[in-house]
Amino acid sequence: MRLLNAAPPDEARRALAACCGSLHWARQVAAHRPYPDLDALLAAADEAAYDLTPDDLTEALAAEPLEPVLPPGSAYSAAATALRAAHAAYESRFGHAFVICLAGVAPGEALDHLLASLRDRLGNDREEERAVAADELRRLARARLTRLVHHWPRLPGEPRTSRSDSPYVPV
């Protein structure tokens, strides 16, 4: 947390923009530094996410990767094909990448949860899906912020505080 708080404004905004692609969101979160702890940072991130305008949300969704990410291996080839098809249908219907935060979902259940969510959300109307996507983007930003704080470039001699067992699955 100390390193995020001490980072020069441009560096902080760039790092924060990797957590949520809205430049307005990144500026808002960076402007409220210093944060006393991770909870305060996450609360500020939530507030900034709730304040996104439709254009800010469009910008953030446009920054999300369009291709689904699956573990390597032949066991996933059929799932990868189904996932690519579902992503293409989603993007065609809604005009942006499918976003979902899989925090709290067991790794062995993540693919099933992802495919089920994609199928369910394809039934939403545009306005309803925009609200769901905004909330998923907010949740993703929280997960990414948590990782950012734990993985921020360390100063020489500073102890490592990162965790390799993060419950967040990037999608």
Protein backbone atom coordinates (compact mmCIF):
# COMPACT_ATOMS: atom_id res chain seq x y z
CA MET A 1 0.00 0.00 0.00
CA ARG A 2 2.85 2.31 0.87
CA LEU A 3 4.32 2.02 -2.63
CA LEU A 4 1.03 2.81 -4.36
CA ASN A 5 0.58 5.80 -2.09
CA ALA A 6 4.13 7.03 -2.78
CA ALA A 7 4.12 6.43 -6.54
CA PRO A 8 4.29 9.50 -8.80
CA PRO A 9 0.80 10.43 -10.07
CA ASP A 10 1.39 9.27 -13.66
CA GLU A 11 2.81 5.92 -12.53
CA ALA A 12 -0.09 5.39 -10.12
CA ARG A 13 -2.67 6.22 -12.82
CA ARG A 14 -1.00 3.81 -15.30
CA ALA A 15 -0.95 1.01 -12.72
CA LEU A 16 -4.55 1.68 -11.74
CA ALA A 17 -5.68 1.81 -15.39
CA ALA A 18 -4.48 -1.80 -15.69
CA CYS A 19 -7.07 -2.67 -13.02
CA CYS A 20 -9.94 -0.88 -14.76
CA GLY A 21 -9.63 0.56 -18.26
CA SER A 22 -11.55 3.74 -17.51
CA LEU A 23 -9.12 6.65 -17.33
CA HIS A 24 -11.68 8.58 -15.27
CA TRP A 25 -11.77 5.70 -12.75
CA ALA A 26 -7.97 5.54 -12.57
CA ARG A 27 -7.71 9.32 -12.06
CA GLN A 28 -10.37 9.24 -9.33
CA VAL A 29 -8.71 6.41 -7.43
CA ALA A 30 -5.24 7.94 -7.80
CA ALA A 31 -6.45 11.38 -6.70
CA HIS A 32 -7.67 10.11 -3.33
CA ARG A 33 -4.30 8.76 -2.23
CA PRO A 34 -2.92 8.13 0.31
CA TYR A 35 -4.98 5.18 1.45
CA PRO A 36 -4.49 3.93 5.00
CA ASP A 37 -5.14 0.31 4.02
CA LEU A 38 -6.46 -2.02 1.33
CA ASP A 39 -10.05 -1.74 2.57
CA ALA A 40 -9.99 2.03 2.10
CA LEU A 41 -8.54 1.61 -1.40
CA LEU A 42 -11.22 -0.93 -2.34
CA ALA A 43 -13.97 1.34 -0.98
CA ALA A 44 -12.66 4.23 -3.08
CA ALA A 45 -12.44 1.94 -6.12
CA ASP A 46 -16.05 0.86 -5.61
CA GLU A 47 -17.19 4.47 -5.32
CA ALA A 48 -15.32 5.41 -8.50
CA ALA A 49 -16.85 2.39 -10.28
CA TYR A 50 -20.37 3.39 -9.25
CA ASP A 51 -19.68 6.87 -10.66
CA LEU A 52 -18.74 5.65 -14.15
CA THR A 53 -20.67 7.36 -16.90
CA PRO A 54 -21.89 5.26 -19.84
CA ASP A 55 -18.87 6.50 -21.85
CA ASP A 56 -16.49 5.58 -18.99
CA LEU A 57 -18.01 2.11 -18.86
CA THR A 58 -17.65 1.74 -22.63
CA GLU A 59 -13.99 2.75 -22.35
CA ALA A 60 -13.38 0.26 -19.52
CA LEU A 61 -15.10 -2.59 -21.35
CA ALA A 62 -13.14 -1.81 -24.53
CA ALA A 63 -9.91 -2.29 -22.57
CA GLU A 64 -10.86 -5.84 -21.55
CA PRO A 65 -9.44 -8.75 -23.56
CA LEU A 66 -11.82 -10.24 -26.09
CA GLU A 67 -10.32 -13.72 -26.18
CA PRO A 68 -11.12 -16.17 -23.39
CA VAL A 69 -8.21 -17.57 -21.43
CA LEU A 70 -8.06 -21.30 -20.71
CA PRO A 71 -5.34 -23.47 -19.24
CA PRO A 72 -3.22 -25.22 -21.87
CA GLY A 73 -3.93 -28.86 -22.68
CA SER A 74 -5.94 -31.02 -25.02
CA ALA A 75 -8.60 -31.62 -22.35
CA TYR A 76 -9.72 -28.04 -22.87
CA SER A 77 -9.97 -28.06 -26.67
CA ALA A 78 -13.74 -28.71 -26.80
CA ALA A 79 -14.31 -26.24 -23.98
CA ALA A 80 -12.15 -23.67 -25.76
CA THR A 81 -14.21 -24.04 -28.91
CA ALA A 82 -17.48 -23.65 -26.98
CA LEU A 83 -16.08 -20.70 -25.06
CA ARG A 84 -14.87 -18.92 -28.21
CA ALA A 85 -18.28 -19.41 -29.83
CA ALA A 86 -20.10 -18.12 -26.74
CA HIS A 87 -17.75 -15.12 -26.51
CA ALA A 88 -18.32 -14.31 -30.18
CA ALA A 89 -22.11 -14.51 -29.71
CA TYR A 90 -21.87 -12.29 -26.62
CA GLU A 91 -19.67 -9.71 -28.33
CA SER A 92 -21.97 -9.68 -31.37
CA ARG A 93 -25.04 -9.19 -29.18
CA PHE A 94 -23.67 -6.61 -26.73
CA GLY A 95 -20.76 -5.01 -28.58
CA HIS A 96 -18.14 -5.52 -25.87
CA ALA A 97 -16.06 -8.19 -24.17
CA PHE A 98 -17.66 -10.54 -21.68
CA VAL A 99 -16.36 -9.76 -18.20
CA ILE A 100 -16.74 -11.87 -15.10
CA CYS A 101 -14.96 -12.07 -11.78
CA LEU A 102 -14.49 -15.65 -10.65
CA ALA A 103 -13.41 -14.80 -7.11
CA GLY A 104 -14.53 -17.52 -4.75
CA VAL A 105 -15.11 -20.05 -7.54
CA ALA A 106 -13.01 -23.17 -7.15
CA PRO A 107 -10.51 -23.54 -10.03
CA GLY A 108 -12.05 -26.88 -11.02
CA GLU A 109 -15.48 -25.23 -11.31
CA ALA A 110 -14.37 -22.00 -13.01
CA LEU A 111 -14.86 -23.17 -16.59
CA ASP A 112 -18.36 -24.54 -15.91
CA HIS A 113 -19.28 -21.35 -14.04
CA LEU A 114 -17.90 -19.22 -16.87
CA LEU A 115 -19.82 -21.09 -19.59
CA ALA A 116 -23.05 -21.12 -17.55
CA SER A 117 -22.75 -17.37 -16.87
CA LEU A 118 -22.12 -16.66 -20.54
CA ARG A 119 -25.20 -18.65 -21.57
CA ASP A 120 -27.36 -17.01 -18.90
CA ARG A 121 -26.21 -13.49 -19.65
CA LEU A 122 -26.82 -13.89 -23.38
CA GLY A 123 -30.51 -13.83 -22.43
CA ASN A 124 -30.25 -10.35 -20.87
CA ASP A 125 -31.45 -7.27 -22.67
CA ARG A 126 -28.80 -4.63 -23.44
CA GLU A 127 -29.58 -2.39 -20.46
CA GLU A 128 -29.68 -5.26 -17.98
CA GLU A 129 -26.42 -6.71 -19.31
CA ARG A 130 -24.72 -3.33 -19.13
CA ALA A 131 -25.54 -3.19 -15.41
CA VAL A 132 -24.31 -6.77 -14.86
CA ALA A 133 -21.11 -6.07 -16.83
CA ALA A 134 -20.50 -2.88 -14.82
CA ASP A 135 -20.78 -4.82 -11.56
CA GLU A 136 -18.52 -7.60 -12.82
CA LEU A 137 -16.01 -4.99 -13.96
CA ARG A 138 -16.13 -3.41 -10.48
CA ARG A 139 -15.48 -6.81 -8.91
CA LEU A 140 -12.62 -7.48 -11.35
CA ALA A 141 -11.09 -4.09 -10.53
CA ARG A 142 -11.17 -4.98 -6.82
CA ALA A 143 -9.41 -8.28 -7.51
CA ARG A 144 -6.83 -6.61 -9.70
CA LEU A 145 -6.24 -3.87 -7.13
CA THR A 146 -5.64 -6.47 -4.48
CA ARG A 147 -3.06 -8.15 -6.70
CA LEU A 148 -1.52 -4.78 -7.58
CA VAL A 149 -1.01 -3.87 -3.95
CA HIS A 150 0.52 -7.27 -3.18
CA HIS A 151 2.71 -7.35 -6.31
CA TRP A 152 3.75 -3.69 -6.63
CA PRO A 153 7.40 -3.43 -7.60
CA ARG A 154 9.42 -3.84 -4.45
CA LEU A 155 12.18 -1.62 -3.21
CA PRO A 156 15.58 -3.31 -2.90
CA GLY A 157 15.72 -5.30 0.32
CA GLU A 158 11.98 -5.07 0.95
CA PRO A 159 10.36 -8.40 1.89
CA ARG A 160 8.14 -10.05 -0.71
CA THR A 161 4.43 -9.89 0.17
CA SER A 162 2.88 -11.31 -2.98
CA ARG A 163 0.68 -14.37 -3.00
CA SER A 164 0.80 -16.90 -5.78
CA ASP A 165 -2.48 -18.52 -4.70
CA SER A 166 -4.78 -15.61 -5.51
CA PRO A 167 -8.46 -16.67 -5.64
CA TYR A 168 -9.03 -14.38 -8.61
CA VAL A 169 -9.07 -15.96 -12.02
CA PRO A 170 -8.45 -13.49 -14.83
CA VAL A 171 -10.87 -13.93 -17.69
